[in-house]
């Protein structure tokens, strides 16, 4: 279960129940640092995994725009363990079906009970961990551009994170049970999600730049000698 005691009672209850919480303009004061950090990354890629980008460190740190949100939810041991830049545009406008995020990024492959299958993405080692580990993580989506209803906002199934690992053939049924929430955002807003929440995204009906910096945070150390790759 995620620790939400550092949020006020209303926000904590909402996050635990729904699995999502909006922090308005939370990254606005560090937007220039984020833009500098991503300035050399080619545009229009579905998902670029970020690692060792010094300009991002102040944003991700405990007193940074994103690190401070993670600490409110997970406690003082929260640390960034994976970062991805998504970049939809007129030229790169894709959809994403309903799914859960189920993998983490580690330094090395080491067989461990409950961990697998293993994959390599952008040269980084990924593995599906036990669900209980995912359930203690939080995913932050920091919006670099405005995301109105016409610009492919993320859609979530609120509360779906509480049903464990959902089989593919049961996803549609659970989405129908939980309902859907469209996560609109303005540039500088940060949405916090329970990492295993069911989510999806359509193509933009009026596409424009829609860059999102997504960062996973965890407070746990990994077992069996495994180590987070980090950001």
Protein backbone atom coordinates (compact mmCIF):
# COMPACT_ATOMS: atom_id res chain seq x y z
CA UNK A 1 0.00 0.00 0.00
CA UNK A 2 1.28 3.45 -0.85
CA UNK A 3 2.11 5.74 2.06
CA UNK A 4 -0.02 8.85 1.71
CA UNK A 5 0.18 10.19 5.26
CA UNK A 6 2.22 13.21 4.17
CA UNK A 7 -0.63 14.50 2.03
CA UNK A 8 -3.57 16.14 3.74
CA UNK A 9 -6.31 13.69 4.67
CA UNK A 10 -8.60 14.51 1.75
CA UNK A 11 -5.86 14.24 -0.87
CA UNK A 12 -4.46 11.07 0.71
CA UNK A 13 -7.86 9.39 0.73
CA UNK A 14 -8.51 10.37 -2.87
CA UNK A 15 -5.15 9.05 -4.03
CA UNK A 16 -5.46 5.73 -2.22
CA UNK A 17 -8.98 5.22 -3.59
CA UNK A 18 -8.65 6.48 -7.15
CA UNK A 19 -4.91 6.06 -7.73
CA UNK A 20 -4.48 9.51 -9.25
CA UNK A 21 -3.97 13.08 -8.04
CA UNK A 22 -3.32 16.34 -9.89
CA UNK A 23 -0.71 18.82 -8.65
CA UNK A 24 -1.47 22.07 -10.45
CA UNK A 25 1.52 24.05 -11.78
CA UNK A 26 3.87 21.95 -9.60
CA UNK A 27 6.67 21.99 -12.19
CA UNK A 28 6.13 25.50 -13.52
CA UNK A 29 9.07 27.04 -11.64
CA UNK A 30 11.52 24.45 -13.04
CA UNK A 31 10.22 24.26 -16.59
CA UNK A 32 13.35 25.93 -17.99
CA UNK A 33 15.55 23.23 -16.43
CA UNK A 34 13.40 20.49 -17.94
CA UNK A 35 13.50 22.11 -21.38
CA UNK A 36 17.28 22.36 -21.12
CA UNK A 37 17.51 18.71 -20.10
CA UNK A 38 15.55 17.47 -23.12
CA UNK A 39 16.83 20.00 -25.67
CA UNK A 40 19.15 17.54 -27.45
CA UNK A 41 16.69 14.63 -27.59
CA UNK A 42 15.26 14.10 -31.11
CA UNK A 43 11.61 15.09 -31.36
CA UNK A 44 8.60 12.89 -32.06
CA UNK A 45 9.64 9.65 -30.40
CA UNK A 46 7.06 7.47 -28.66
CA UNK A 47 9.17 6.97 -25.56
CA UNK A 48 12.82 7.80 -24.85
CA UNK A 49 14.28 6.42 -21.63
CA UNK A 50 16.40 9.06 -19.92
CA UNK A 51 19.52 8.32 -17.91
CA UNK A 52 22.37 10.42 -16.59
CA UNK A 53 21.09 13.83 -17.62
CA UNK A 54 22.54 16.24 -15.02
CA UNK A 55 20.08 19.03 -15.83
CA UNK A 56 17.22 16.84 -14.58
CA UNK A 57 18.75 16.19 -11.16
CA UNK A 58 17.42 19.37 -9.45
CA UNK A 59 13.90 18.57 -10.68
CA UNK A 60 14.00 14.96 -9.48
CA UNK A 61 15.70 15.63 -6.12
CA UNK A 62 13.82 15.65 -2.81
CA UNK A 63 13.43 19.43 -2.86
CA UNK A 64 12.66 19.54 -6.58
CA UNK A 65 9.33 19.85 -8.31
CA UNK A 66 8.90 16.11 -8.82
CA UNK A 67 10.93 14.74 -5.93
CA UNK A 68 8.91 16.70 -3.40
CA UNK A 69 5.65 15.22 -4.73
CA UNK A 70 7.06 11.70 -4.57
CA UNK A 71 8.17 12.30 -0.99
CA UNK A 72 4.68 13.39 0.00
CA UNK A 73 3.31 10.09 -1.24
CA UNK A 74 6.09 7.57 -0.52
CA UNK A 75 8.01 9.21 2.30
CA UNK A 76 11.57 10.43 2.67
CA UNK A 77 13.12 7.34 1.06
CA UNK A 78 11.49 8.05 -2.33
CA UNK A 79 13.95 8.17 -5.20
CA UNK A 80 13.62 8.29 -9.00
CA UNK A 81 14.16 4.88 -10.59
CA UNK A 82 13.15 5.43 -14.23
CA UNK A 83 12.40 8.40 -16.49
CA UNK A 84 10.82 8.44 -19.96
CA UNK A 85 10.08 11.32 -22.30
CA UNK A 86 6.95 10.98 -24.45
CA UNK A 87 6.62 13.33 -27.40
CA UNK A 88 3.41 13.31 -29.44
CA UNK A 89 3.04 15.83 -32.26
CA UNK A 90 1.32 16.35 -35.59
CA UNK A 91 3.95 14.14 -37.22
CA UNK A 92 4.00 11.52 -34.44
CA UNK A 93 0.45 10.92 -33.28
CA UNK A 94 -0.17 7.44 -31.88
CA UNK A 95 -2.71 5.70 -29.67
CA UNK A 96 -2.10 3.45 -26.70
CA UNK A 97 -4.54 0.75 -25.63
CA UNK A 98 -5.53 -0.02 -22.05
CA UNK A 99 -2.66 -1.53 -20.08
CA UNK A 100 -0.72 -1.56 -16.82
CA UNK A 101 2.94 -0.55 -16.51
CA UNK A 102 4.55 -3.77 -15.28
CA UNK A 103 8.33 -3.44 -15.60
CA UNK A 104 11.18 -1.78 -13.75
CA UNK A 105 14.71 -0.92 -14.89
CA UNK A 106 17.69 -2.53 -13.13
CA UNK A 107 21.50 -2.42 -13.34
CA UNK A 108 22.09 -6.07 -14.13
CA UNK A 109 20.20 -9.27 -14.87
CA UNK A 110 20.14 -11.64 -11.94
CA UNK A 111 17.63 -14.43 -11.63
CA UNK A 112 15.37 -13.85 -8.64
CA UNK A 113 12.11 -15.46 -7.46
CA UNK A 114 9.08 -13.59 -8.76
CA UNK A 115 11.06 -11.46 -11.24
CA UNK A 116 10.55 -12.00 -14.98
CA UNK A 117 10.29 -11.96 -17.91
CA UNK A 118 13.39 -9.94 -18.77
CA UNK A 119 13.72 -7.49 -21.68
CA UNK A 120 16.22 -4.91 -22.97
CA UNK A 121 14.88 -1.51 -24.08
CA UNK A 122 17.19 1.23 -25.36
CA UNK A 123 20.08 -0.81 -24.00
CA UNK A 124 18.60 -0.83 -20.48
CA UNK A 125 17.64 -4.02 -18.63
CA UNK A 126 13.97 -4.28 -17.68
CA UNK A 127 12.12 -6.92 -15.69
CA UNK A 128 8.59 -7.49 -14.44
CA UNK A 129 8.77 -7.58 -10.62
CA UNK A 130 6.24 -9.00 -8.16
CA UNK A 131 3.08 -6.91 -8.21
CA UNK A 132 3.51 -5.94 -4.56
CA UNK A 133 6.60 -3.92 -5.48
CA UNK A 134 4.77 -2.05 -8.25
CA UNK A 135 1.94 -1.31 -5.81
CA UNK A 136 4.38 0.58 -3.56
CA UNK A 137 5.61 2.83 -6.38
CA UNK A 138 4.28 6.10 -7.77
CA UNK A 139 4.48 7.40 -11.34
CA UNK A 140 4.62 11.14 -11.98
CA UNK A 141 3.66 12.60 -15.36
CA UNK A 142 4.98 16.15 -15.68
CA UNK A 143 3.39 18.06 -18.55
CA UNK A 144 5.67 20.22 -20.66
CA UNK A 145 2.82 21.26 -23.00
CA UNK A 146 -0.90 21.88 -22.56
CA UNK A 147 -3.07 18.78 -22.83
CA UNK A 148 -6.69 19.71 -23.56
CA UNK A 149 -9.22 17.06 -24.55
CA UNK A 150 -8.13 17.33 -28.21
CA UNK A 151 -4.43 16.64 -27.51
CA UNK A 152 -4.45 12.97 -26.44
CA UNK A 153 -4.74 13.23 -22.65
CA UNK A 154 -4.11 10.13 -20.60
CA UNK A 155 -7.27 8.28 -19.62
CA UNK A 156 -7.27 6.20 -16.45
CA UNK A 157 -9.57 3.63 -14.86
CA UNK A 158 -9.77 5.01 -11.30
CA UNK A 159 -9.27 2.40 -8.62
CA UNK A 160 -7.98 -0.23 -11.03
CA UNK A 161 -4.62 -0.30 -9.24
CA UNK A 162 -6.34 -2.07 -6.34
CA UNK A 163 -7.13 -5.22 -8.37
CA UNK A 164 -3.60 -6.56 -8.68
CA UNK A 165 -2.09 -7.75 -11.93
CA UNK A 166 -4.94 -7.71 -14.45
CA UNK A 167 -5.03 -10.39 -17.13
CA UNK A 168 -5.23 -9.00 -20.66
CA UNK A 169 -8.56 -10.65 -21.34
CA UNK A 170 -10.03 -9.05 -18.20
CA UNK A 171 -8.93 -5.46 -18.83
CA UNK A 172 -12.04 -4.30 -20.70
CA UNK A 173 -14.32 -5.71 -18.00
CA UNK A 174 -12.39 -3.94 -15.24
CA UNK A 175 -12.34 -0.63 -17.13
CA UNK A 176 -16.12 -0.90 -17.49
CA UNK A 177 -16.39 -1.56 -13.75
CA UNK A 178 -14.09 1.29 -12.66
CA UNK A 179 -15.14 3.86 -15.27
CA UNK A 180 -12.84 6.31 -16.98
CA UNK A 181 -11.31 9.68 -16.05
CA UNK A 182 -9.70 11.95 -18.64
CA UNK A 183 -6.59 13.60 -17.19
CA UNK A 184 -6.48 17.08 -18.71
CA UNK A 185 -3.46 19.23 -17.90
CA UNK A 186 -1.79 22.56 -18.47
CA UNK A 187 1.94 23.00 -19.03
CA UNK A 188 3.63 22.71 -15.63
CA UNK A 189 0.97 20.45 -14.11
CA UNK A 190 1.98 17.10 -12.63
CA UNK A 191 -0.30 14.08 -12.40
CA UNK A 192 0.64 11.44 -9.81
CA UNK A 193 -0.54 7.88 -10.42
CA UNK A 194 -0.33 4.58 -8.62
CA UNK A 195 2.15 2.88 -10.96
CA UNK A 196 -0.02 -0.17 -11.86
CA UNK A 197 -3.18 1.81 -12.64
CA UNK A 198 -4.87 0.90 -15.95
CA UNK A 199 -4.44 3.70 -18.47
CA UNK A 200 -4.74 4.46 -22.19
CA UNK A 201 -4.40 7.30 -24.69
CA UNK A 202 -6.09 8.00 -28.04
CA UNK A 203 -4.58 9.76 -31.02
CA UNK A 204 -4.94 13.53 -30.75
CA UNK A 205 -7.94 14.86 -32.66
CA UNK A 206 -6.27 18.27 -32.99
CA UNK A 207 -2.62 17.32 -32.55
CA UNK A 208 0.01 19.72 -31.33
CA UNK A 209 3.11 19.29 -29.23
CA UNK A 210 2.38 17.01 -26.26
CA UNK A 211 5.59 16.33 -24.37
CA UNK A 212 5.38 14.50 -21.05
CA UNK A 213 8.23 13.69 -18.68
CA UNK A 214 7.24 10.49 -16.86
CA UNK A 215 9.23 9.48 -13.78
CA UNK A 216 8.76 6.39 -11.62
CA UNK A 217 9.65 6.69 -7.93
CA UNK A 218 10.19 3.94 -5.38
CA UNK A 219 11.10 3.82 -1.70
CA UNK A 220 12.05 0.13 -1.59
CA UNK A 221 15.45 -1.44 -2.07
CA UNK A 222 15.31 -4.38 -4.45
CA UNK A 223 15.82 -7.91 -3.05
CA UNK A 224 18.14 -10.74 -4.13
CA UNK A 225 21.02 -8.41 -4.97
CA UNK A 226 19.12 -6.57 -7.69
CA UNK A 227 19.67 -2.81 -7.96
CA UNK A 228 17.65 -0.02 -9.53
CA UNK A 229 19.35 1.49 -12.56
CA UNK A 230 18.15 4.91 -11.48
CA UNK A 231 17.91 8.08 -13.53
